[in-house]
Amino acid sequence: AASNAGLDASPNASPDAAAQTVTGR
């Protein structure tokens, strides 16, 4: 994800963007 601010993980996120992990349903 390029940013944590948005609802979604942007499809334009760069390959070296920080990895993020979320858990839920």
PDB file of all heavy atoms in Angstrom:
ATOM      1  N   ALA A   1       0.847  -1.192   0.000  1.00  0.00           N
ATOM      2  CA  ALA A   1       0.000   0.000   0.000  1.00  0.00           C
ATOM      3  C   ALA A   1       0.873   1.230   0.000  1.00  0.00           C
ATOM      4  O   ALA A   1       1.774   1.357   0.821  1.00  0.00           O
ATOM      5  CB  ALA A   1      -0.919   0.007   1.218  1.00  0.00           C
ATOM      6  N   ALA A   2       0.574   2.134  -0.931  1.00  0.00           N
ATOM      7  CA  ALA A   2       1.372   3.363  -1.001  1.00  0.00           C
ATOM      8  C   ALA A   2       1.076   4.280   0.164  1.00  0.00           C
ATOM      9  O   ALA A   2       1.899   5.088   0.554  1.00  0.00           O
ATOM     10  CB  ALA A   2       1.091   4.083  -2.319  1.00  0.00           C
ATOM     11  N   SER A   3      -0.109   4.165   0.744  1.00  0.00           N
ATOM     12  CA  SER A   3      -0.491   5.042   1.843  1.00  0.00           C
ATOM     13  C   SER A   3      -1.499   4.330   2.714  1.00  0.00           C
ATOM     14  O   SER A   3      -2.267   3.508   2.259  1.00  0.00           O
ATOM     15  CB  SER A   3      -1.105   6.334   1.299  1.00  0.00           C
ATOM     16  OG  SER A   3      -1.699   7.083   2.329  1.00  0.00           O
ATOM     17  N   ASN A   4      -1.512   4.663   3.994  1.00  0.00           N
ATOM     18  CA  ASN A   4      -2.499   4.103   4.899  1.00  0.00           C
ATOM     19  C   ASN A   4      -3.751   4.968   4.969  1.00  0.00           C
ATOM     20  O   ASN A   4      -4.699   4.624   5.657  1.00  0.00           O
ATOM     21  CB  ASN A   4      -1.908   3.990   6.309  1.00  0.00           C
ATOM     22  CG  ASN A   4      -0.796   2.965   6.370  1.00  0.00           C
ATOM     23  OD1 ASN A   4      -0.722   2.080   5.540  1.00  0.00           O
ATOM     24  ND2 ASN A   4       0.079   3.096   7.354  1.00  0.00           N
ATOM     25  N   ALA A   5      -3.737   6.108   4.279  1.00  0.00           N
ATOM     26  CA  ALA A   5      -4.828   7.049   4.449  1.00  0.00           C
ATOM     27  C   ALA A   5      -6.098   6.612   3.733  1.00  0.00           C
ATOM     28  O   ALA A   5      -7.187   6.889   4.185  1.00  0.00           O
ATOM     29  CB  ALA A   5      -4.417   8.445   3.951  1.00  0.00           C
ATOM     30  N   GLY A   6      -5.981   5.940   2.598  1.00  0.00           N
ATOM     31  CA  GLY A   6      -7.144   5.635   1.779  1.00  0.00           C
ATOM     32  C   GLY A   6      -7.860   4.386   2.217  1.00  0.00           C
ATOM     33  O   GLY A   6      -7.385   3.619   3.043  1.00  0.00           O
ATOM     34  N   LEU A   7      -9.049   4.195   1.650  1.00  0.00           N
ATOM     35  CA  LEU A   7      -9.785   2.965   1.912  1.00  0.00           C
ATOM     36  C   LEU A   7      -9.050   1.773   1.349  1.00  0.00           C
ATOM     37  O   LEU A   7      -8.942   0.733   1.983  1.00  0.00           O
ATOM     38  CB  LEU A   7     -11.177   3.042   1.262  1.00  0.00           C
ATOM     39  CG  LEU A   7     -11.936   1.714   1.193  1.00  0.00           C
ATOM     40  CD1 LEU A   7     -12.338   1.280   2.580  1.00  0.00           C
ATOM     41  CD2 LEU A   7     -13.139   1.826   0.287  1.00  0.00           C
ATOM     42  N   ASP A   8      -8.508   1.920   0.157  1.00  0.00           N
ATOM     43  CA  ASP A   8      -8.022   0.757  -0.553  1.00  0.00           C
ATOM     44  C   ASP A   8      -6.514   0.776  -0.728  1.00  0.00           C
ATOM     45  O   ASP A   8      -5.864   1.792  -0.604  1.00  0.00           O
ATOM     46  CB  ASP A   8      -8.680   0.668  -1.935  1.00  0.00           C
ATOM     47  CG  ASP A   8      -8.475   1.951  -2.723  1.00  0.00           C
ATOM     48  OD1 ASP A   8      -8.419   3.023  -2.100  1.00  0.00           O
ATOM     49  OD2 ASP A   8      -8.380   1.874  -3.951  1.00  0.00           O
ATOM     50  N   ALA A   9      -5.968  -0.402  -1.026  1.00  0.00           N
ATOM     51  CA  ALA A   9      -4.571  -0.506  -1.443  1.00  0.00           C
ATOM     52  C   ALA A   9      -4.514  -0.106  -2.901  1.00  0.00           C
ATOM     53  O   ALA A   9      -5.113  -0.740  -3.751  1.00  0.00           O
ATOM     54  CB  ALA A   9      -4.071  -1.928  -1.265  1.00  0.00           C
ATOM     55  N   SER A  10      -3.824   0.980  -3.182  1.00  0.00           N
ATOM     56  CA  SER A  10      -3.855   1.534  -4.534  1.00  0.00           C
ATOM     57  C   SER A  10      -3.264   0.577  -5.555  1.00  0.00           C
ATOM     58  O   SER A  10      -2.200  -0.007  -5.331  1.00  0.00           O
ATOM     59  CB  SER A  10      -3.063   2.841  -4.555  1.00  0.00           C
ATOM     60  OG  SER A  10      -2.878   3.279  -5.876  1.00  0.00           O
ATOM     61  N   PRO A  11      -3.905   0.407  -6.715  1.00  0.00           N
ATOM     62  CA  PRO A  11      -3.307  -0.423  -7.768  1.00  0.00           C
ATOM     63  C   PRO A  11      -2.036   0.194  -8.326  1.00  0.00           C
ATOM     64  O   PRO A  11      -1.287  -0.470  -9.033  1.00  0.00           O
ATOM     65  CB  PRO A  11      -4.415  -0.482  -8.831  1.00  0.00           C
ATOM     66  CG  PRO A  11      -5.269   0.700  -8.567  1.00  0.00           C
ATOM     67  CD  PRO A  11      -5.214   0.929  -7.087  1.00  0.00           C
ATOM     68  N   ASN A  12      -1.780   1.458  -8.000  1.00  0.00           N
ATOM     69  CA  ASN A  12      -0.564   2.126  -8.461  1.00  0.00           C
ATOM     70  C   ASN A  12       0.567   2.079  -7.442  1.00  0.00           C
ATOM     71  O   ASN A  12       1.575   2.756  -7.602  1.00  0.00           O
ATOM     72  CB  ASN A  12      -0.875   3.593  -8.800  1.00  0.00           C
ATOM     73  CG  ASN A  12      -1.909   3.714  -9.906  1.00  0.00           C
ATOM     74  OD1 ASN A  12      -1.852   2.975 -10.880  1.00  0.00           O
ATOM     75  ND2 ASN A  12      -2.858   4.617  -9.746  1.00  0.00           N
ATOM     76  N   ALA A  13       0.384   1.313  -6.371  1.00  0.00           N
ATOM     77  CA  ALA A  13       1.434   1.207  -5.365  1.00  0.00           C
ATOM     78  C   ALA A  13       2.698   0.632  -5.987  1.00  0.00           C
ATOM     79  O   ALA A  13       2.658  -0.310  -6.767  1.00  0.00           O
ATOM     80  CB  ALA A  13       0.973   0.315  -4.209  1.00  0.00           C
ATOM     81  N   SER A  14       3.829   1.215  -5.655  1.00  0.00           N
ATOM     82  CA  SER A  14       5.095   0.762  -6.235  1.00  0.00           C
ATOM     83  C   SER A  14       5.507  -0.571  -5.634  1.00  0.00           C
ATOM     84  O   SER A  14       5.097  -0.922  -4.528  1.00  0.00           O
ATOM     85  CB  SER A  14       6.183   1.805  -5.964  1.00  0.00           C
ATOM     86  OG  SER A  14       6.399   1.938  -4.572  1.00  0.00           O
ATOM     87  N   PRO A  15       6.333  -1.330  -6.349  1.00  0.00           N
ATOM     88  CA  PRO A  15       6.748  -2.641  -5.839  1.00  0.00           C
ATOM     89  C   PRO A  15       7.463  -2.572  -4.498  1.00  0.00           C
ATOM     90  O   PRO A  15       7.439  -3.539  -3.742  1.00  0.00           O
ATOM     91  CB  PRO A  15       7.685  -3.160  -6.940  1.00  0.00           C
ATOM     92  CG  PRO A  15       7.247  -2.432  -8.173  1.00  0.00           C
ATOM     93  CD  PRO A  15       6.823  -1.087  -7.713  1.00  0.00           C
ATOM     94  N   ASP A  16       8.111  -1.435  -4.216  1.00  0.00           N
ATOM     95  CA  ASP A  16       8.825  -1.338  -2.950  1.00  0.00           C
ATOM     96  C   ASP A  16       8.009  -0.634  -1.872  1.00  0.00           C
ATOM     97  O   ASP A  16       8.524  -0.241  -0.833  1.00  0.00           O
ATOM     98  CB  ASP A  16      10.155  -0.607  -3.137  1.00  0.00           C
ATOM     99  CG  ASP A  16       9.978   0.792  -3.727  1.00  0.00           C
ATOM    100  OD1 ASP A  16       8.844   1.111  -4.144  1.00  0.00           O
ATOM    101  OD2 ASP A  16      10.971   1.536  -3.753  1.00  0.00           O
ATOM    102  N   ALA A  17       6.691  -0.452  -2.123  1.00  0.00           N
ATOM    103  CA  ALA A  17       5.841   0.144  -1.093  1.00  0.00           C
ATOM    104  C   ALA A  17       5.805  -0.756   0.132  1.00  0.00           C
ATOM    105  O   ALA A  17       5.965  -1.974   0.042  1.00  0.00           O
ATOM    106  CB  ALA A  17       4.426   0.348  -1.645  1.00  0.00           C
ATOM    107  N   ALA A  18       5.589  -0.138   1.275  1.00  0.00           N
ATOM    108  CA  ALA A  18       5.602  -0.889   2.526  1.00  0.00           C
ATOM    109  C   ALA A  18       4.499  -1.944   2.532  1.00  0.00           C
ATOM    110  O   ALA A  18       3.368  -1.701   2.101  1.00  0.00           O
ATOM    111  CB  ALA A  18       5.414   0.067   3.694  1.00  0.00           C
ATOM    112  N   ALA A  19       4.858  -3.125   3.022  1.00  0.00           N
ATOM    113  CA  ALA A  19       3.866  -4.199   3.145  1.00  0.00           C
ATOM    114  C   ALA A  19       3.003  -3.945   4.373  1.00  0.00           C
ATOM    115  O   ALA A  19       3.466  -3.445   5.394  1.00  0.00           O
ATOM    116  CB  ALA A  19       4.559  -5.542   3.247  1.00  0.00           C
ATOM    117  N   GLN A  20       1.727  -4.274   4.250  1.00  0.00           N
ATOM    118  CA  GLN A  20       0.794  -4.107   5.352  1.00  0.00           C
ATOM    119  C   GLN A  20      -0.039  -5.373   5.470  1.00  0.00           C
ATOM    120  O   GLN A  20      -0.359  -6.016   4.463  1.00  0.00           O
ATOM    121  CB  GLN A  20      -0.095  -2.891   5.118  1.00  0.00           C
ATOM    122  CG  GLN A  20      -0.970  -2.551   6.309  1.00  0.00           C
ATOM    123  CD  GLN A  20      -1.492  -1.131   6.227  1.00  0.00           C
ATOM    124  OE1 GLN A  20      -1.117  -0.379   5.332  1.00  0.00           O
ATOM    125  NE2 GLN A  20      -2.349  -0.753   7.148  1.00  0.00           N
ATOM    126  N   THR A  21      -0.394  -5.725   6.686  1.00  0.00           N
ATOM    127  CA  THR A  21      -1.179  -6.930   6.938  1.00  0.00           C
ATOM    128  C   THR A  21      -2.427  -6.574   7.721  1.00  0.00           C
ATOM    129  O   THR A  21      -2.353  -5.836   8.716  1.00  0.00           O
ATOM    130  CB  THR A  21      -0.359  -7.968   7.724  1.00  0.00           C
ATOM    131  OG1 THR A  21       0.779  -8.350   6.947  1.00  0.00           O
ATOM    132  CG2 THR A  21      -1.194  -9.206   8.021  1.00  0.00           C
ATOM    133  N   VAL A  22      -3.572  -7.058   7.254  1.00  0.00           N
ATOM    134  CA  VAL A  22      -4.823  -6.860   7.966  1.00  0.00           C
ATOM    135  C   VAL A  22      -5.525  -8.211   8.103  1.00  0.00           C
ATOM    136  O   VAL A  22      -5.403  -9.086   7.245  1.00  0.00           O
ATOM    137  CB  VAL A  22      -5.746  -5.853   7.248  1.00  0.00           C
ATOM    138  CG1 VAL A  22      -5.134  -4.465   7.264  1.00  0.00           C
ATOM    139  CG2 VAL A  22      -6.032  -6.285   5.829  1.00  0.00           C
ATOM    140  N   THR A  23      -6.250  -8.349   9.201  1.00  0.00           N
ATOM    141  CA  THR A  23      -6.972  -9.588   9.475  1.00  0.00           C
ATOM    142  C   THR A  23      -8.440  -9.266   9.736  1.00  0.00           C
ATOM    143  O   THR A  23      -8.761  -8.288  10.413  1.00  0.00           O
ATOM    144  CB  THR A  23      -6.379 -10.300  10.707  1.00  0.00           C
ATOM    145  OG1 THR A  23      -5.026 -10.657  10.434  1.00  0.00           O
ATOM    146  CG2 THR A  23      -7.166 -11.567  11.044  1.00  0.00           C
ATOM    147  N   GLY A  24      -9.320 -10.086   9.169  1.00  0.00           N
ATOM    148  CA  GLY A  24     -10.745  -9.895   9.375  1.00  0.00           C
ATOM    149  C   GLY A  24     -11.533 -10.868   8.546  1.00  0.00           C
ATOM    150  O   GLY A  24     -11.036 -11.922   8.145  1.00  0.00           O
ATOM    151  N   ARG A  25     -12.784 -10.518   8.262  1.00  0.00           N
ATOM    152  CA  ARG A  25     -13.621 -11.363   7.420  1.00  0.00           C
ATOM    153  C   ARG A  25     -13.748 -10.727   6.050  1.00  0.00           C
ATOM    154  O   ARG A  25     -13.866  -9.506   5.919  1.00  0.00           O
ATOM    155  CB  ARG A  25     -15.001 -11.554   8.040  1.00  0.00           C
ATOM    156  CG  ARG A  25     -15.798 -10.284   8.222  1.00  0.00           C
ATOM    157  CD  ARG A  25     -17.128 -10.571   8.899  1.00  0.00           C
ATOM    158  NE  ARG A  25     -17.829  -9.327   9.233  1.00  0.00           N
ATOM    159  CZ  ARG A  25     -18.896  -9.276  10.023  1.00  0.00           C
ATOM    160  NH1 ARG A  25     -19.387 -10.391  10.554  1.00  0.00           N
ATOM    161  NH2 ARG A  25     -19.472  -8.131  10.288  1.00  0.00           N
TER     162      ARG A  25
END
